[in-house]
Amino acid sequence: MKRLSYAVALVCMLMFVSIAGAQEFPIMDMIANNVVQKYQAMNCEEMWKHKMEPKTAQQEEFIKILKADPQMRTQFINKVAPTIVNKMFECGMIP
């Protein structure tokens, strides 16, 4: 009985850690989701125009934060890269 309660406690702890890890950077997750949605909605002409536009102050600040936190940067890139790279490929921006 004691082993069963330890096993249940361990499973609960592992579930909590995995859920907490998924929300380690909730603001970054929100920004990444917005970026993904924006790129999914863009057509190629909008993509080319967007590439030439200067970054906003908020974008520059977020970039500074990502440069300072490698773990957050990795998670952000892992979330947005597939969508952005696929759209760039579709639009002929990369071979």
PDB file of N, CA and C in Angstrom:
ATOM      1  N   MET A   1       0.828  -1.194   0.000  1.00  0.00           N
ATOM      2  CA  MET A   1       0.000   0.000   0.000  1.00  0.00           C
ATOM      3  C   MET A   1       0.868   1.252   0.000  1.00  0.00           C
ATOM      4  N   LYS A   2       1.949   1.188   0.757  1.00  0.00           N
ATOM      5  CA  LYS A   2       2.850   2.333   0.841  1.00  0.00           C
ATOM      6  C   LYS A   2       3.498   2.610  -0.515  1.00  0.00           C
ATOM      7  N   ARG A   3       3.878   1.543  -1.225  1.00  0.00           N
ATOM      8  CA  ARG A   3       4.486   1.701  -2.546  1.00  0.00           C
ATOM      9  C   ARG A   3       3.504   2.334  -3.521  1.00  0.00           C
ATOM     10  N   LEU A   4       2.254   1.932  -3.436  1.00  0.00           N
ATOM     11  CA  LEU A   4       1.227   2.481  -4.318  1.00  0.00           C
ATOM     12  C   LEU A   4       1.059   3.981  -4.082  1.00  0.00           C
ATOM     13  N   SER A   5       1.052   4.396  -2.820  1.00  0.00           N
ATOM     14  CA  SER A   5       0.894   5.821  -2.531  1.00  0.00           C
ATOM     15  C   SER A   5       2.118   6.605  -3.002  1.00  0.00           C
ATOM     16  N   TYR A   6       3.311   6.020  -2.899  1.00  0.00           N
ATOM     17  CA  TYR A   6       4.511   6.677  -3.429  1.00  0.00           C
ATOM     18  C   TYR A   6       4.434   6.795  -4.952  1.00  0.00           C
ATOM     19  N   ALA A   7       3.948   5.745  -5.601  1.00  0.00           N
ATOM     20  CA  ALA A   7       3.833   5.755  -7.056  1.00  0.00           C
ATOM     21  C   ALA A   7       2.828   6.812  -7.507  1.00  0.00           C
ATOM     22  N   VAL A   8       1.695   6.887  -6.813  1.00  0.00           N
ATOM     23  CA  VAL A   8       0.684   7.890  -7.149  1.00  0.00           C
ATOM     24  C   VAL A   8       1.245   9.294  -6.936  1.00  0.00           C
ATOM     25  N   ALA A   9       1.956   9.503  -5.847  1.00  0.00           N
ATOM     26  CA  ALA A   9       2.554  10.801  -5.568  1.00  0.00           C
ATOM     27  C   ALA A   9       3.579  11.164  -6.640  1.00  0.00           C
ATOM     28  N   LEU A  10       4.371  10.189  -7.066  1.00  0.00           N
ATOM     29  CA  LEU A  10       5.368  10.431  -8.105  1.00  0.00           C
ATOM     30  C   LEU A  10       4.714  10.799  -9.426  1.00  0.00           C
ATOM     31  N   VAL A  11       3.657  10.086  -9.803  1.00  0.00           N
ATOM     32  CA  VAL A  11       2.942  10.387 -11.042  1.00  0.00           C
ATOM     33  C   VAL A  11       2.348  11.787 -10.986  1.00  0.00           C
ATOM     34  N   CYS A  12       1.742  12.129  -9.866  1.00  0.00           N
ATOM     35  CA  CYS A  12       1.163  13.475  -9.711  1.00  0.00           C
ATOM     36  C   CYS A  12       2.238  14.546  -9.817  1.00  0.00           C
ATOM     37  N   MET A  13       3.385  14.310  -9.191  1.00  0.00           N
ATOM     38  CA  MET A  13       4.469  15.277  -9.246  1.00  0.00           C
ATOM     39  C   MET A  13       4.982  15.434 -10.675  1.00  0.00           C
ATOM     40  N   LEU A  14       5.141  14.342 -11.406  1.00  0.00           N
ATOM     41  CA  LEU A  14       5.612  14.407 -12.785  1.00  0.00           C
ATOM     42  C   LEU A  14       4.613  15.142 -13.675  1.00  0.00           C
ATOM     43  N   MET A  15       3.327  14.921 -13.455  1.00  0.00           N
ATOM     44  CA  MET A  15       2.316  15.639 -14.228  1.00  0.00           C
ATOM     45  C   MET A  15       2.378  17.133 -13.939  1.00  0.00           C
ATOM     46  N   PHE A  16       2.546  17.498 -12.678  1.00  0.00           N
ATOM     47  CA  PHE A  16       2.628  18.911 -12.310  1.00  0.00           C
ATOM     48  C   PHE A  16       3.848  19.564 -12.945  1.00  0.00           C
ATOM     49  N   VAL A  17       4.980  18.886 -12.901  1.00  0.00           N
ATOM     50  CA  VAL A  17       6.208  19.434 -13.482  1.00  0.00           C
ATOM     51  C   VAL A  17       6.057  19.617 -14.988  1.00  0.00           C
ATOM     52  N   SER A  18       5.443  18.653 -15.664  1.00  0.00           N
ATOM     53  CA  SER A  18       5.290  18.785 -17.112  1.00  0.00           C
ATOM     54  C   SER A  18       4.324  19.913 -17.466  1.00  0.00           C
ATOM     55  N   ILE A  19       3.263  20.086 -16.692  1.00  0.00           N
ATOM     56  CA  ILE A  19       2.313  21.173 -16.942  1.00  0.00           C
ATOM     57  C   ILE A  19       2.970  22.507 -16.637  1.00  0.00           C
ATOM     58  N   ALA A  20       3.689  22.598 -15.541  1.00  0.00           N
ATOM     59  CA  ALA A  20       4.368  23.845 -15.183  1.00  0.00           C
ATOM     60  C   ALA A  20       5.442  24.185 -16.207  1.00  0.00           C
ATOM     61  N   GLY A  21       6.148  23.187 -16.727  1.00  0.00           N
ATOM     62  CA  GLY A  21       7.185  23.428 -17.727  1.00  0.00           C
ATOM     63  C   GLY A  21       6.614  23.956 -19.022  1.00  0.00           C
ATOM     64  N   ALA A  22       5.411  23.552 -19.353  1.00  0.00           N
ATOM     65  CA  ALA A  22       4.790  24.010 -20.594  1.00  0.00           C
ATOM     66  C   ALA A  22       4.454  25.496 -20.519  1.00  0.00           C
ATOM     67  N   GLN A  23       4.246  26.021 -19.329  1.00  0.00           N
ATOM     68  CA  GLN A  23       3.902  27.422 -19.154  1.00  0.00           C
ATOM     69  C   GLN A  23       5.052  28.200 -18.512  1.00  0.00           C
ATOM     70  N   GLU A  24       6.267  27.806 -18.812  1.00  0.00           N
ATOM     71  CA  GLU A  24       7.434  28.454 -18.220  1.00  0.00           C
ATOM     72  C   GLU A  24       7.540  29.906 -18.656  1.00  0.00           C
ATOM     73  N   PHE A  25       7.175  30.197 -19.888  1.00  0.00           N
ATOM     74  CA  PHE A  25       7.233  31.544 -20.434  1.00  0.00           C
ATOM     75  C   PHE A  25       5.881  31.887 -21.062  1.00  0.00           C
ATOM     76  N   PRO A  26       4.857  32.151 -20.252  1.00  0.00           N
ATOM     77  CA  PRO A  26       3.517  32.349 -20.824  1.00  0.00           C
ATOM     78  C   PRO A  26       3.422  33.555 -21.760  1.00  0.00           C
ATOM     79  N   ILE A  27       4.128  34.628 -21.474  1.00  0.00           N
ATOM     80  CA  ILE A  27       4.094  35.802 -22.358  1.00  0.00           C
ATOM     81  C   ILE A  27       4.758  35.453 -23.689  1.00  0.00           C
ATOM     82  N   MET A  28       5.886  34.753 -23.623  1.00  0.00           N
ATOM     83  CA  MET A  28       6.571  34.336 -24.845  1.00  0.00           C
ATOM     84  C   MET A  28       5.672  33.420 -25.661  1.00  0.00           C
ATOM     85  N   ASP A  29       4.960  32.520 -24.996  1.00  0.00           N
ATOM     86  CA  ASP A  29       4.037  31.633 -25.705  1.00  0.00           C
ATOM     87  C   ASP A  29       2.964  32.437 -26.429  1.00  0.00           C
ATOM     88  N   MET A  30       2.445  33.456 -25.778  1.00  0.00           N
ATOM     89  CA  MET A  30       1.416  34.294 -26.388  1.00  0.00           C
ATOM     90  C   MET A  30       1.974  35.027 -27.613  1.00  0.00           C
ATOM     91  N   ILE A  31       3.176  35.585 -27.478  1.00  0.00           N
ATOM     92  CA  ILE A  31       3.803  36.283 -28.600  1.00  0.00           C
ATOM     93  C   ILE A  31       4.086  35.317 -29.740  1.00  0.00           C
ATOM     94  N   ALA A  32       4.617  34.147 -29.414  1.00  0.00           N
ATOM     95  CA  ALA A  32       4.915  33.140 -30.443  1.00  0.00           C
ATOM     96  C   ALA A  32       3.643  32.730 -31.179  1.00  0.00           C
ATOM     97  N   ASN A  33       2.564  32.531 -30.450  1.00  0.00           N
ATOM     98  CA  ASN A  33       1.297  32.167 -31.096  1.00  0.00           C
ATOM     99  C   ASN A  33       0.815  33.275 -32.019  1.00  0.00           C
ATOM    100  N   ASN A  34       0.981  34.527 -31.604  1.00  0.00           N
ATOM    101  CA  ASN A  34       0.598  35.660 -32.463  1.00  0.00           C
ATOM    102  C   ASN A  34       1.452  35.701 -33.732  1.00  0.00           C
ATOM    103  N   VAL A  35       2.738  35.448 -33.584  1.00  0.00           N
ATOM    104  CA  VAL A  35       3.638  35.443 -34.738  1.00  0.00           C
ATOM    105  C   VAL A  35       3.232  34.333 -35.713  1.00  0.00           C
ATOM    106  N   VAL A  36       2.967  33.158 -35.182  1.00  0.00           N
ATOM    107  CA  VAL A  36       2.565  32.030 -36.028  1.00  0.00           C
ATOM    108  C   VAL A  36       1.278  32.368 -36.775  1.00  0.00           C
ATOM    109  N   GLN A  37       0.292  32.915 -36.074  1.00  0.00           N
ATOM    110  CA  GLN A  37      -0.980  33.271 -36.716  1.00  0.00           C
ATOM    111  C   GLN A  37      -0.778  34.322 -37.800  1.00  0.00           C
ATOM    112  N   LYS A  38       0.088  35.301 -37.513  1.00  0.00           N
ATOM    113  CA  LYS A  38       0.346  36.362 -38.487  1.00  0.00           C
ATOM    114  C   LYS A  38       0.960  35.785 -39.763  1.00  0.00           C
ATOM    115  N   TYR A  39       1.954  34.924 -39.616  1.00  0.00           N
ATOM    116  CA  TYR A  39       2.614  34.354 -40.795  1.00  0.00           C
ATOM    117  C   TYR A  39       1.699  33.389 -41.545  1.00  0.00           C
ATOM    118  N   GLN A  40       0.828  32.683 -40.843  1.00  0.00           N
ATOM    119  CA  GLN A  40      -0.104  31.784 -41.516  1.00  0.00           C
ATOM    120  C   GLN A  40      -1.099  32.570 -42.370  1.00  0.00           C
ATOM    121  N   ALA A  41      -1.448  33.770 -41.910  1.00  0.00           N
ATOM    122  CA  ALA A  41      -2.439  34.577 -42.617  1.00  0.00           C
ATOM    123  C   ALA A  41      -1.846  35.389 -43.766  1.00  0.00           C
ATOM    124  N   MET A  42      -0.532  35.554 -43.798  1.00  0.00           N
ATOM    125  CA  MET A  42       0.113  36.367 -44.828  1.00  0.00           C
ATOM    126  C   MET A  42       0.141  35.657 -46.172  1.00  0.00           C
ATOM    127  N   ASN A  43       0.030  36.453 -47.233  1.00  0.00           N
ATOM    128  CA  ASN A  43       0.323  35.919 -48.551  1.00  0.00           C
ATOM    129  C   ASN A  43       1.759  36.328 -48.895  1.00  0.00           C
ATOM    130  N   CYS A  44       2.260  35.890 -50.012  1.00  0.00           N
ATOM    131  CA  CYS A  44       3.667  36.128 -50.353  1.00  0.00           C
ATOM    132  C   CYS A  44       3.981  37.612 -50.522  1.00  0.00           C
ATOM    133  N   GLU A  45       3.076  38.362 -51.110  1.00  0.00           N
ATOM    134  CA  GLU A  45       3.312  39.790 -51.293  1.00  0.00           C
ATOM    135  C   GLU A  45       3.445  40.494 -49.939  1.00  0.00           C
ATOM    136  N   GLU A  46       2.571  40.135 -49.008  1.00  0.00           N
ATOM    137  CA  GLU A  46       2.649  40.715 -47.661  1.00  0.00           C
ATOM    138  C   GLU A  46       3.934  40.296 -46.967  1.00  0.00           C
ATOM    139  N   MET A  47       4.358  39.081 -47.222  1.00  0.00           N
ATOM    140  CA  MET A  47       5.593  38.571 -46.611  1.00  0.00           C
ATOM    141  C   MET A  47       6.798  39.384 -47.079  1.00  0.00           C
ATOM    142  N   TRP A  48       6.881  39.666 -48.383  1.00  0.00           N
ATOM    143  CA  TRP A  48       7.988  40.458 -48.910  1.00  0.00           C
ATOM    144  C   TRP A  48       7.965  41.873 -48.326  1.00  0.00           C
ATOM    145  N   LYS A  49       6.778  42.478 -48.231  1.00  0.00           N
ATOM    146  CA  LYS A  49       6.668  43.815 -47.645  1.00  0.00           C
ATOM    147  C   LYS A  49       7.078  43.812 -46.179  1.00  0.00           C
ATOM    148  N   HIS A  50       6.627  42.804 -45.456  1.00  0.00           N
ATOM    149  CA  HIS A  50       6.937  42.699 -44.024  1.00  0.00           C
ATOM    150  C   HIS A  50       8.442  42.592 -43.797  1.00  0.00           C
ATOM    151  N   LYS A  51       9.113  41.900 -44.690  1.00  0.00           N
ATOM    152  CA  LYS A  51      10.561  41.716 -44.559  1.00  0.00           C
ATOM    153  C   LYS A  51      11.297  43.057 -44.614  1.00  0.00           C
ATOM    154  N   MET A  52      10.759  44.006 -45.377  1.00  0.00           N
ATOM    155  CA  MET A  52      11.412  45.302 -45.565  1.00  0.00           C
ATOM    156  C   MET A  52      11.045  46.336 -44.486  1.00  0.00           C
ATOM    157  N   GLU A  53      10.006  46.076 -43.711  1.00  0.00           N
ATOM    158  CA  GLU A  53       9.560  47.042 -42.710  1.00  0.00           C
ATOM    159  C   GLU A  53      10.515  47.074 -41.523  1.00  0.00           C
ATOM    160  N   PRO A  54      10.725  48.273 -40.936  1.00  0.00           N
ATOM    161  CA  PRO A  54      11.548  48.344 -39.717  1.00  0.00           C
ATOM    162  C   PRO A  54      10.809  47.724 -38.533  1.00  0.00           C
ATOM    163  N   LYS A  55      11.551  47.256 -37.557  1.00  0.00           N
ATOM    164  CA  LYS A  55      10.954  46.640 -36.379  1.00  0.00           C
ATOM    165  C   LYS A  55      10.391  47.724 -35.450  1.00  0.00           C
ATOM    166  N   THR A  56       9.306  47.377 -34.769  1.00  0.00           N
ATOM    167  CA  THR A  56       8.712  48.303 -33.802  1.00  0.00           C
ATOM    168  C   THR A  56       9.545  48.294 -32.522  1.00  0.00           C
ATOM    169  N   ALA A  57       9.269  49.255 -31.645  1.00  0.00           N
ATOM    170  CA  ALA A  57       9.979  49.314 -30.364  1.00  0.00           C
ATOM    171  C   ALA A  57       9.708  48.061 -29.539  1.00  0.00           C
ATOM    172  N   GLN A  58       8.465  47.559 -29.580  1.00  0.00           N
ATOM    173  CA  GLN A  58       8.129  46.346 -28.831  1.00  0.00           C
ATOM    174  C   GLN A  58       8.878  45.134 -29.379  1.00  0.00           C
ATOM    175  N   GLN A  59       8.987  45.064 -30.695  1.00  0.00           N
ATOM    176  CA  GLN A  59       9.726  43.953 -31.292  1.00  0.00           C
ATOM    177  C   GLN A  59      11.198  44.020 -30.901  1.00  0.00           C
ATOM    178  N   GLU A  60      11.771  45.216 -30.928  1.00  0.00           N
ATOM    179  CA  GLU A  60      13.179  45.381 -30.539  1.00  0.00           C
ATOM    180  C   GLU A  60      13.394  44.975 -29.082  1.00  0.00           C
ATOM    181  N   GLU A  61      12.465  45.349 -28.205  1.00  0.00           N
ATOM    182  CA  GLU A  61      12.571  44.992 -26.788  1.00  0.00           C
ATOM    183  C   GLU A  61      12.477  43.483 -26.606  1.00  0.00           C
ATOM    184  N   PHE A  62      11.564  42.854 -27.329  1.00  0.00           N
ATOM    185  CA  PHE A  62      11.424  41.399 -27.220  1.00  0.00           C
ATOM    186  C   PHE A  62      12.674  40.697 -27.732  1.00  0.00           C
ATOM    187  N   ILE A  63      13.268  41.213 -28.781  1.00  0.00           N
ATOM    188  CA  ILE A  63      14.509  40.640 -29.311  1.00  0.00           C
ATOM    189  C   ILE A  63      15.622  40.734 -28.272  1.00  0.00           C
ATOM    190  N   LYS A  64      15.702  41.869 -27.556  1.00  0.00           N
ATOM    191  CA  LYS A  64      16.707  42.014 -26.490  1.00  0.00           C
ATOM    192  C   LYS A  64      16.493  40.964 -25.402  1.00  0.00           C
ATOM    193  N   ILE A  65      15.235  40.754 -25.039  1.00  0.00           N
ATOM    194  CA  ILE A  65      14.928  39.755 -24.014  1.00  0.00           C
ATOM    195  C   ILE A  65      15.341  38.363 -24.490  1.00  0.00           C
ATOM    196  N   LEU A  66      15.044  38.040 -25.751  1.00  0.00           N
ATOM    197  CA  LEU A  66      15.422  36.732 -26.281  1.00  0.00           C
ATOM    198  C   LEU A  66      16.936  36.556 -26.336  1.00  0.00           C
ATOM    199  N   LYS A  67      17.651  37.629 -26.665  1.00  0.00           N
ATOM    200  CA  LYS A  67      19.115  37.536 -26.701  1.00  0.00           C
ATOM    201  C   LYS A  67      19.688  37.299 -25.311  1.00  0.00           C
ATOM    202  N   ALA A  68      19.014  37.816 -24.290  1.00  0.00           N
ATOM    203  CA  ALA A  68      19.508  37.672 -22.922  1.00  0.00           C
ATOM    204  C   ALA A  68      19.139  36.335 -22.286  1.00  0.00           C
ATOM    205  N   ASP A  69      18.164  35.634 -22.839  1.00  0.00           N
ATOM    206  CA  ASP A  69      17.690  34.379 -22.243  1.00  0.00           C
ATOM    207  C   ASP A  69      17.706  33.263 -23.284  1.00  0.00           C
ATOM    208  N   PRO A  70      18.801  32.494 -23.345  1.00  0.00           N
ATOM    209  CA  PRO A  70      18.921  31.443 -24.363  1.00  0.00           C
ATOM    210  C   PRO A  70      17.820  30.379 -24.297  1.00  0.00           C
ATOM    211  N   GLN A  71      17.360  30.052 -23.103  1.00  0.00           N
ATOM    212  CA  GLN A  71      16.318  29.035 -22.975  1.00  0.00           C
ATOM    213  C   GLN A  71      15.002  29.542 -23.577  1.00  0.00           C
ATOM    214  N   MET A  72      14.648  30.776 -23.280  1.00  0.00           N
ATOM    215  CA  MET A  72      13.430  31.352 -23.848  1.00  0.00           C
ATOM    216  C   MET A  72      13.566  31.484 -25.359  1.00  0.00           C
ATOM    217  N   ARG A  73      14.745  31.905 -25.818  1.00  0.00           N
ATOM    218  CA  ARG A  73      14.985  32.052 -27.259  1.00  0.00           C
ATOM    219  C   ARG A  73      14.800  30.720 -27.970  1.00  0.00           C
ATOM    220  N   THR A  74      15.329  29.659 -27.395  1.00  0.00           N
ATOM    221  CA  THR A  74      15.202  28.331 -27.992  1.00  0.00           C
ATOM    222  C   THR A  74      13.741  27.919 -28.098  1.00  0.00           C
ATOM    223  N   GLN A  75      12.986  28.128 -27.030  1.00  0.00           N
ATOM    224  CA  GLN A  75      11.568  27.761 -27.061  1.00  0.00           C
ATOM    225  C   GLN A  75      10.801  28.599 -28.075  1.00  0.00           C
ATOM    226  N   PHE A  76      11.113  29.889 -28.152  1.00  0.00           N
ATOM    227  CA  PHE A  76      10.436  30.765 -29.115  1.00  0.00           C
ATOM    228  C   PHE A  76      10.722  30.315 -30.545  1.00  0.00           C
ATOM    229  N   ILE A  77      11.989  30.094 -30.842  1.00  0.00           N
ATOM    230  CA  ILE A  77      12.370  29.679 -32.198  1.00  0.00           C
ATOM    231  C   ILE A  77      11.752  28.330 -32.546  1.00  0.00           C
ATOM    232  N   ASN A  78      11.732  27.412 -31.598  1.00  0.00           N
ATOM    233  CA  ASN A  78      11.126  26.105 -31.850  1.00  0.00           C
ATOM    234  C   ASN A  78       9.637  26.221 -32.162  1.00  0.00           C
ATOM    235  N   LYS A  79       8.976  27.234 -31.605  1.00  0.00           N
ATOM    236  CA  LYS A  79       7.542  27.415 -31.860  1.00  0.00           C
ATOM    237  C   LYS A  79       7.270  28.093 -33.196  1.00  0.00           C
ATOM    238  N   VAL A  80       8.058  29.101 -33.547  1.00  0.00           N
ATOM    239  CA  VAL A  80       7.729  29.906 -34.729  1.00  0.00           C
ATOM    240  C   VAL A  80       8.446  29.462 -36.003  1.00  0.00           C
ATOM    241  N   ALA A  81       9.583  28.824 -35.874  1.00  0.00           N
ATOM    242  CA  ALA A  81      10.399  28.497 -37.048  1.00  0.00           C
ATOM    243  C   ALA A  81       9.687  27.656 -38.098  1.00  0.00           C
ATOM    244  N   PRO A  82       8.994  26.590 -37.729  1.00  0.00           N
ATOM    245  CA  PRO A  82       8.371  25.784 -38.791  1.00  0.00           C
ATOM    246  C   PRO A  82       7.412  26.592 -39.668  1.00  0.00           C
ATOM    247  N   THR A  83       6.595  27.421 -39.056  1.00  0.00           N
ATOM    248  CA  THR A  83       5.630  28.222 -39.815  1.00  0.00           C
ATOM    249  C   THR A  83       6.330  29.238 -40.697  1.00  0.00           C
ATOM    250  N   ILE A  84       7.303  29.953 -40.131  1.00  0.00           N
ATOM    251  CA  ILE A  84       7.989  30.997 -40.886  1.00  0.00           C
ATOM    252  C   ILE A  84       8.794  30.400 -42.034  1.00  0.00           C
ATOM    253  N   VAL A  85       9.520  29.344 -41.771  1.00  0.00           N
ATOM    254  CA  VAL A  85      10.357  28.746 -42.812  1.00  0.00           C
ATOM    255  C   VAL A  85       9.495  28.154 -43.922  1.00  0.00           C
ATOM    256  N   ASN A  86       8.398  27.524 -43.574  1.00  0.00           N
ATOM    257  CA  ASN A  86       7.509  26.996 -44.608  1.00  0.00           C
ATOM    258  C   ASN A  86       6.937  28.115 -45.471  1.00  0.00           C
ATOM    259  N   LYS A  87       6.532  29.214 -44.851  1.00  0.00           N
ATOM    260  CA  LYS A  87       5.991  30.343 -45.611  1.00  0.00           C
ATOM    261  C   LYS A  87       7.085  30.946 -46.494  1.00  0.00           C
ATOM    262  N   MET A  88       8.305  31.074 -45.981  1.00  0.00           N
ATOM    263  CA  MET A  88       9.413  31.598 -46.789  1.00  0.00           C
ATOM    264  C   MET A  88       9.682  30.684 -47.976  1.00  0.00           C
ATOM    265  N   PHE A  89       9.614  29.380 -47.776  1.00  0.00           N
ATOM    266  CA  PHE A  89       9.826  28.429 -48.865  1.00  0.00           C
ATOM    267  C   PHE A  89       8.733  28.581 -49.921  1.00  0.00           C
ATOM    268  N   GLU A  90       7.484  28.678 -49.474  1.00  0.00           N
ATOM    269  CA  GLU A  90       6.362  28.824 -50.398  1.00  0.00           C
ATOM    270  C   GLU A  90       6.494  30.107 -51.239  1.00  0.00           C
ATOM    271  N   CYS A  91       7.061  31.153 -50.622  1.00  0.00           N
ATOM    272  CA  CYS A  91       7.155  32.449 -51.292  1.00  0.00           C
ATOM    273  C   CYS A  91       8.465  32.633 -52.064  1.00  0.00           C
ATOM    274  N   GLY A  92       9.293  31.600 -52.116  1.00  0.00           N
ATOM    275  CA  GLY A  92      10.533  31.682 -52.870  1.00  0.00           C
ATOM    276  C   GLY A  92      11.614  32.506 -52.207  1.00  0.00           C
ATOM    277  N   MET A  93      11.520  32.674 -50.892  1.00  0.00           N
ATOM    278  CA  MET A  93      12.532  33.453 -50.174  1.00  0.00           C
ATOM    279  C   MET A  93      13.741  32.606 -49.806  1.00  0.00           C
ATOM    280  N   ILE A  94      13.557  31.313 -49.798  1.00  0.00           N
ATOM    281  CA  ILE A  94      14.677  30.395 -49.570  1.00  0.00           C
ATOM    282  C   ILE A  94      14.582  29.289 -50.603  1.00  0.00           C
ATOM    283  N   PRO A  95      15.722  28.717 -50.983  1.00  0.00           N
ATOM    284  CA  PRO A  95      15.705  27.694 -52.044  1.00  0.00           C
ATOM    285  C   PRO A  95      14.955  26.444 -51.648  1.00  0.00           C
TER     286      PRO A  95
END
